[in-house]
Amino acid sequence: MNSALFLCTVVVLFGMGALGTFLNRRNFLIMLLCIEVMLLSVNLVFLTGSVTVDDLNGQLLALWVLTAAAAETALGLALCVLYFRLRSTLDVELISLMKG
C-alpha cells in the first residue's frame, strides 16, 4: 500500500470539508455534512498510520472518532429538525436570533 496516496487523499478531503464549511455559511445541513467529511478524513489518517506502523491503536482511535461523529450527527440533526420547525428555514445567520 502506498501511504502517500492515502495522505494526499486525506489532504484533499479535509480541504474540501474545511472549504465547504467556511464558504457555505447559509445552510446548517451542508455545514454538518462538511464537518462529517473532515472527520472521515481524520479517520483515514488514523487508519493509514495504523496499517503503516502495524499497530491496532490507530484503528481503535478511528472507531472512537466514528462513535463521536455519530453522536455529533445525531445531535446536529435533532437541532436541525427543531430549528426548522421553529423558523421554517435552515439559514445559519438567523440562529443568532434564538434566545435561551
N, C-alpha and C. Protein backbone atom coordinates (compact mmCIF):
# COMPACT_ATOMS: atom_id res chain seq x y z
N MET A 1 0.83 -1.19 0.00
CA MET A 1 0.00 0.00 0.00
C MET A 1 0.87 1.24 0.00
N ASN A 2 0.44 2.20 -0.75
CA ASN A 2 1.18 3.44 -0.84
C ASN A 2 0.53 4.46 0.11
N SER A 3 1.16 4.73 1.24
CA SER A 3 0.57 5.62 2.24
C SER A 3 0.57 7.08 1.77
N ALA A 4 1.47 7.43 0.86
CA ALA A 4 1.49 8.81 0.36
C ALA A 4 0.22 9.12 -0.43
N LEU A 5 -0.29 8.13 -1.16
CA LEU A 5 -1.54 8.31 -1.90
C LEU A 5 -2.71 8.54 -0.95
N PHE A 6 -2.74 7.78 0.15
CA PHE A 6 -3.81 7.96 1.13
C PHE A 6 -3.71 9.32 1.80
N LEU A 7 -2.50 9.74 2.11
CA LEU A 7 -2.34 11.03 2.77
C LEU A 7 -2.68 12.20 1.85
N CYS A 8 -2.40 12.06 0.56
CA CYS A 8 -2.84 13.09 -0.40
C CYS A 8 -4.36 13.13 -0.49
N THR A 9 -4.98 11.96 -0.45
CA THR A 9 -6.44 11.89 -0.45
C THR A 9 -7.02 12.54 0.79
N VAL A 10 -6.36 12.33 1.93
CA VAL A 10 -6.80 12.93 3.18
C VAL A 10 -6.73 14.45 3.11
N VAL A 11 -5.64 14.96 2.57
CA VAL A 11 -5.49 16.42 2.46
C VAL A 11 -6.58 17.00 1.57
N VAL A 12 -6.88 16.33 0.47
CA VAL A 12 -7.92 16.82 -0.44
C VAL A 12 -9.29 16.76 0.25
N LEU A 13 -9.61 15.65 0.92
CA LEU A 13 -10.90 15.53 1.60
C LEU A 13 -11.04 16.55 2.72
N PHE A 14 -10.00 16.71 3.52
CA PHE A 14 -10.07 17.67 4.62
C PHE A 14 -10.19 19.10 4.08
N GLY A 15 -9.47 19.39 3.01
CA GLY A 15 -9.58 20.72 2.40
C GLY A 15 -10.97 20.99 1.85
N MET A 16 -11.57 19.97 1.21
CA MET A 16 -12.93 20.14 0.70
C MET A 16 -13.91 20.38 1.83
N GLY A 17 -13.75 19.64 2.93
CA GLY A 17 -14.65 19.82 4.08
C GLY A 17 -14.48 21.18 4.72
N ALA A 18 -13.23 21.60 4.90
CA ALA A 18 -12.99 22.91 5.51
C ALA A 18 -13.47 24.04 4.62
N LEU A 19 -13.20 23.93 3.33
CA LEU A 19 -13.65 24.95 2.39
C LEU A 19 -15.18 25.02 2.33
N GLY A 20 -15.81 23.86 2.32
CA GLY A 20 -17.28 23.84 2.31
C GLY A 20 -17.87 24.41 3.58
N THR A 21 -17.22 24.18 4.71
CA THR A 21 -17.72 24.71 5.98
C THR A 21 -17.60 26.23 6.02
N PHE A 22 -16.47 26.76 5.57
CA PHE A 22 -16.25 28.19 5.68
C PHE A 22 -16.90 28.99 4.56
N LEU A 23 -17.07 28.40 3.39
CA LEU A 23 -17.70 29.14 2.30
C LEU A 23 -19.22 29.10 2.36
N ASN A 24 -19.77 28.02 2.90
CA ASN A 24 -21.22 27.89 2.97
C ASN A 24 -21.67 28.22 4.38
N ARG A 25 -21.97 29.46 4.62
CA ARG A 25 -22.44 29.90 5.93
C ARG A 25 -23.96 30.03 5.97
N ARG A 26 -24.65 29.47 4.98
CA ARG A 26 -26.10 29.66 4.92
C ARG A 26 -26.87 28.45 5.40
N ASN A 27 -26.50 27.26 4.97
CA ASN A 27 -27.30 26.08 5.24
C ASN A 27 -26.63 25.23 6.32
N PHE A 28 -27.37 24.98 7.38
CA PHE A 28 -26.85 24.22 8.52
C PHE A 28 -26.56 22.77 8.16
N LEU A 29 -27.38 22.18 7.33
CA LEU A 29 -27.22 20.78 6.96
C LEU A 29 -25.96 20.57 6.12
N ILE A 30 -25.67 21.47 5.22
CA ILE A 30 -24.46 21.37 4.40
C ILE A 30 -23.22 21.54 5.28
N MET A 31 -23.28 22.44 6.25
CA MET A 31 -22.15 22.60 7.17
C MET A 31 -21.92 21.33 7.97
N LEU A 32 -22.99 20.68 8.40
CA LEU A 32 -22.87 19.44 9.15
C LEU A 32 -22.25 18.33 8.30
N LEU A 33 -22.63 18.26 7.04
CA LEU A 33 -22.04 17.26 6.15
C LEU A 33 -20.57 17.53 5.89
N CYS A 34 -20.19 18.78 5.77
CA CYS A 34 -18.78 19.11 5.56
C CYS A 34 -17.94 18.76 6.78
N ILE A 35 -18.48 18.95 7.96
CA ILE A 35 -17.76 18.56 9.18
C ILE A 35 -17.61 17.04 9.23
N GLU A 36 -18.61 16.30 8.77
CA GLU A 36 -18.50 14.85 8.73
C GLU A 36 -17.43 14.39 7.74
N VAL A 37 -17.30 15.08 6.62
CA VAL A 37 -16.23 14.74 5.66
C VAL A 37 -14.87 14.98 6.30
N MET A 38 -14.75 16.04 7.07
CA MET A 38 -13.48 16.31 7.74
C MET A 38 -13.16 15.22 8.77
N LEU A 39 -14.17 14.77 9.52
CA LEU A 39 -13.94 13.71 10.49
C LEU A 39 -13.57 12.40 9.81
N LEU A 40 -14.17 12.10 8.69
CA LEU A 40 -13.82 10.88 7.97
C LEU A 40 -12.41 10.94 7.40
N SER A 41 -11.97 12.11 7.00
CA SER A 41 -10.59 12.22 6.51
C SER A 41 -9.60 12.02 7.65
N VAL A 42 -9.93 12.49 8.84
CA VAL A 42 -9.07 12.25 10.00
C VAL A 42 -9.03 10.76 10.32
N ASN A 43 -10.16 10.08 10.18
CA ASN A 43 -10.18 8.63 10.37
C ASN A 43 -9.28 7.93 9.38
N LEU A 44 -9.23 8.41 8.16
CA LEU A 44 -8.36 7.80 7.16
C LEU A 44 -6.89 7.98 7.53
N VAL A 45 -6.54 9.10 8.16
CA VAL A 45 -5.17 9.30 8.65
C VAL A 45 -4.85 8.27 9.73
N PHE A 46 -5.77 8.09 10.67
CA PHE A 46 -5.54 7.12 11.74
C PHE A 46 -5.39 5.70 11.19
N LEU A 47 -6.24 5.35 10.24
CA LEU A 47 -6.17 4.00 9.67
C LEU A 47 -4.91 3.80 8.85
N THR A 48 -4.50 4.81 8.10
CA THR A 48 -3.27 4.71 7.31
C THR A 48 -2.05 4.57 8.23
N GLY A 49 -2.02 5.36 9.28
CA GLY A 49 -0.92 5.24 10.24
C GLY A 49 -0.91 3.91 10.95
N SER A 50 -2.09 3.39 11.24
CA SER A 50 -2.19 2.10 11.90
C SER A 50 -1.67 0.97 11.01
N VAL A 51 -1.99 1.02 9.74
CA VAL A 51 -1.52 -0.01 8.82
C VAL A 51 -0.02 0.14 8.57
N THR A 52 0.45 1.37 8.47
CA THR A 52 1.86 1.62 8.21
C THR A 52 2.74 1.14 9.37
N VAL A 53 2.33 1.42 10.59
CA VAL A 53 3.11 1.07 11.77
C VAL A 53 2.81 -0.37 12.22
N ASP A 54 1.74 -0.96 11.72
CA ASP A 54 1.28 -2.30 12.09
C ASP A 54 0.91 -2.35 13.57
N ASP A 55 0.01 -1.43 13.93
CA ASP A 55 -0.45 -1.31 15.31
C ASP A 55 -1.96 -1.13 15.30
N LEU A 56 -2.64 -1.65 16.32
CA LEU A 56 -4.10 -1.56 16.37
C LEU A 56 -4.61 -0.27 17.01
N ASN A 57 -3.75 0.50 17.61
CA ASN A 57 -4.19 1.71 18.32
C ASN A 57 -4.84 2.72 17.37
N GLY A 58 -4.34 2.86 16.17
CA GLY A 58 -4.94 3.77 15.20
C GLY A 58 -6.34 3.33 14.79
N GLN A 59 -6.53 2.02 14.68
CA GLN A 59 -7.85 1.51 14.32
C GLN A 59 -8.84 1.71 15.46
N LEU A 60 -8.39 1.53 16.69
CA LEU A 60 -9.26 1.78 17.84
C LEU A 60 -9.61 3.26 17.97
N LEU A 61 -8.65 4.12 17.69
CA LEU A 61 -8.91 5.55 17.73
C LEU A 61 -9.89 5.97 16.63
N ALA A 62 -9.76 5.36 15.45
CA ALA A 62 -10.70 5.64 14.37
C ALA A 62 -12.11 5.20 14.73
N LEU A 63 -12.22 4.07 15.42
CA LEU A 63 -13.54 3.60 15.87
C LEU A 63 -14.13 4.55 16.90
N TRP A 64 -13.28 5.09 17.77
CA TRP A 64 -13.76 6.04 18.76
C TRP A 64 -14.22 7.34 18.09
N VAL A 65 -13.47 7.80 17.09
CA VAL A 65 -13.86 9.01 16.37
C VAL A 65 -15.17 8.79 15.62
N LEU A 66 -15.35 7.61 15.04
CA LEU A 66 -16.63 7.30 14.37
C LEU A 66 -17.80 7.34 15.35
N THR A 67 -17.58 6.84 16.55
CA THR A 67 -18.63 6.88 17.56
C THR A 67 -18.96 8.32 17.96
N ALA A 68 -17.94 9.13 18.16
CA ALA A 68 -18.17 10.54 18.49
C ALA A 68 -18.85 11.26 17.34
N ALA A 69 -18.48 10.93 16.10
CA ALA A 69 -19.09 11.56 14.93
C ALA A 69 -20.56 11.18 14.82
N ALA A 70 -20.89 9.94 15.15
CA ALA A 70 -22.29 9.52 15.11
C ALA A 70 -23.12 10.27 16.14
N ALA A 71 -22.55 10.45 17.33
CA ALA A 71 -23.26 11.21 18.37
C ALA A 71 -23.42 12.67 17.96
N GLU A 72 -22.37 13.24 17.36
CA GLU A 72 -22.43 14.63 16.90
C GLU A 72 -23.46 14.79 15.80
N THR A 73 -23.53 13.83 14.90
CA THR A 73 -24.50 13.89 13.82
C THR A 73 -25.93 13.79 14.34
N ALA A 74 -26.15 12.89 15.30
CA ALA A 74 -27.49 12.75 15.86
C ALA A 74 -27.93 14.04 16.56
N LEU A 75 -27.03 14.63 17.31
CA LEU A 75 -27.35 15.88 17.99
C LEU A 75 -27.56 17.02 16.99
N GLY A 76 -26.71 17.08 15.97
CA GLY A 76 -26.85 18.12 14.95
C GLY A 76 -28.14 18.00 14.16
N LEU A 77 -28.51 16.78 13.80
CA LEU A 77 -29.76 16.60 13.06
C LEU A 77 -30.98 16.89 13.93
N ALA A 78 -30.90 16.56 15.22
CA ALA A 78 -32.00 16.90 16.12
C ALA A 78 -32.16 18.41 16.24
N LEU A 79 -31.04 19.12 16.36
CA LEU A 79 -31.11 20.59 16.39
C LEU A 79 -31.62 21.15 15.07
N CYS A 80 -31.24 20.51 13.98
CA CYS A 80 -31.68 20.95 12.66
C CYS A 80 -33.20 20.82 12.52
N VAL A 81 -33.75 19.69 12.95
CA VAL A 81 -35.20 19.48 12.86
C VAL A 81 -35.93 20.45 13.78
N LEU A 82 -35.41 20.64 14.98
CA LEU A 82 -36.04 21.55 15.93
C LEU A 82 -36.03 22.99 15.42
N TYR A 83 -34.90 23.41 14.86
CA TYR A 83 -34.79 24.76 14.34
C TYR A 83 -35.68 24.96 13.11
N PHE A 84 -35.78 23.93 12.26
CA PHE A 84 -36.62 24.05 11.07
C PHE A 84 -38.09 24.14 11.46
N ARG A 85 -38.50 23.42 12.49
CA ARG A 85 -39.89 23.53 12.95
C ARG A 85 -40.19 24.91 13.51
N LEU A 86 -39.19 25.52 14.13
CA LEU A 86 -39.38 26.83 14.74
C LEU A 86 -39.38 27.96 13.72
N ARG A 87 -38.44 27.95 12.78
CA ARG A 87 -38.24 29.07 11.85
C ARG A 87 -38.63 28.79 10.40
N SER A 88 -38.85 27.53 10.04
CA SER A 88 -39.16 27.10 8.66
C SER A 88 -38.03 27.43 7.68
N THR A 89 -36.81 27.49 8.19
CA THR A 89 -35.63 27.70 7.35
C THR A 89 -34.42 27.11 8.08
N LEU A 90 -33.38 26.82 7.31
CA LEU A 90 -32.14 26.32 7.90
C LEU A 90 -31.01 27.33 7.76
N ASP A 91 -31.37 28.60 7.64
CA ASP A 91 -30.38 29.67 7.48
C ASP A 91 -29.59 29.84 8.76
N VAL A 92 -28.28 29.69 8.66
CA VAL A 92 -27.41 29.74 9.84
C VAL A 92 -27.34 31.15 10.41
N GLU A 93 -27.47 32.15 9.58
CA GLU A 93 -27.36 33.53 10.06
C GLU A 93 -28.50 33.92 10.99
N LEU A 94 -29.62 33.22 10.92
CA LEU A 94 -30.75 33.54 11.76
C LEU A 94 -30.71 32.82 13.11
N ILE A 95 -29.73 31.94 13.32
CA ILE A 95 -29.65 31.21 14.58
C ILE A 95 -29.33 32.18 15.73
N SER A 96 -28.65 33.26 15.44
CA SER A 96 -28.31 34.22 16.50
C SER A 96 -29.56 34.92 17.05
N LEU A 97 -30.70 34.80 16.37
CA LEU A 97 -31.93 35.40 16.86
C LEU A 97 -32.59 34.58 17.96
N MET A 98 -32.15 33.32 18.13
CA MET A 98 -32.73 32.46 19.15
C MET A 98 -32.28 32.93 20.53
N LYS A 99 -33.21 32.88 21.47
CA LYS A 99 -32.90 33.27 22.85
C LYS A 99 -33.09 32.07 23.74
N GLY A 100 -32.18 31.86 24.67
CA GLY A 100 -32.23 30.68 25.53
C GLY A 100 -32.50 31.04 26.89
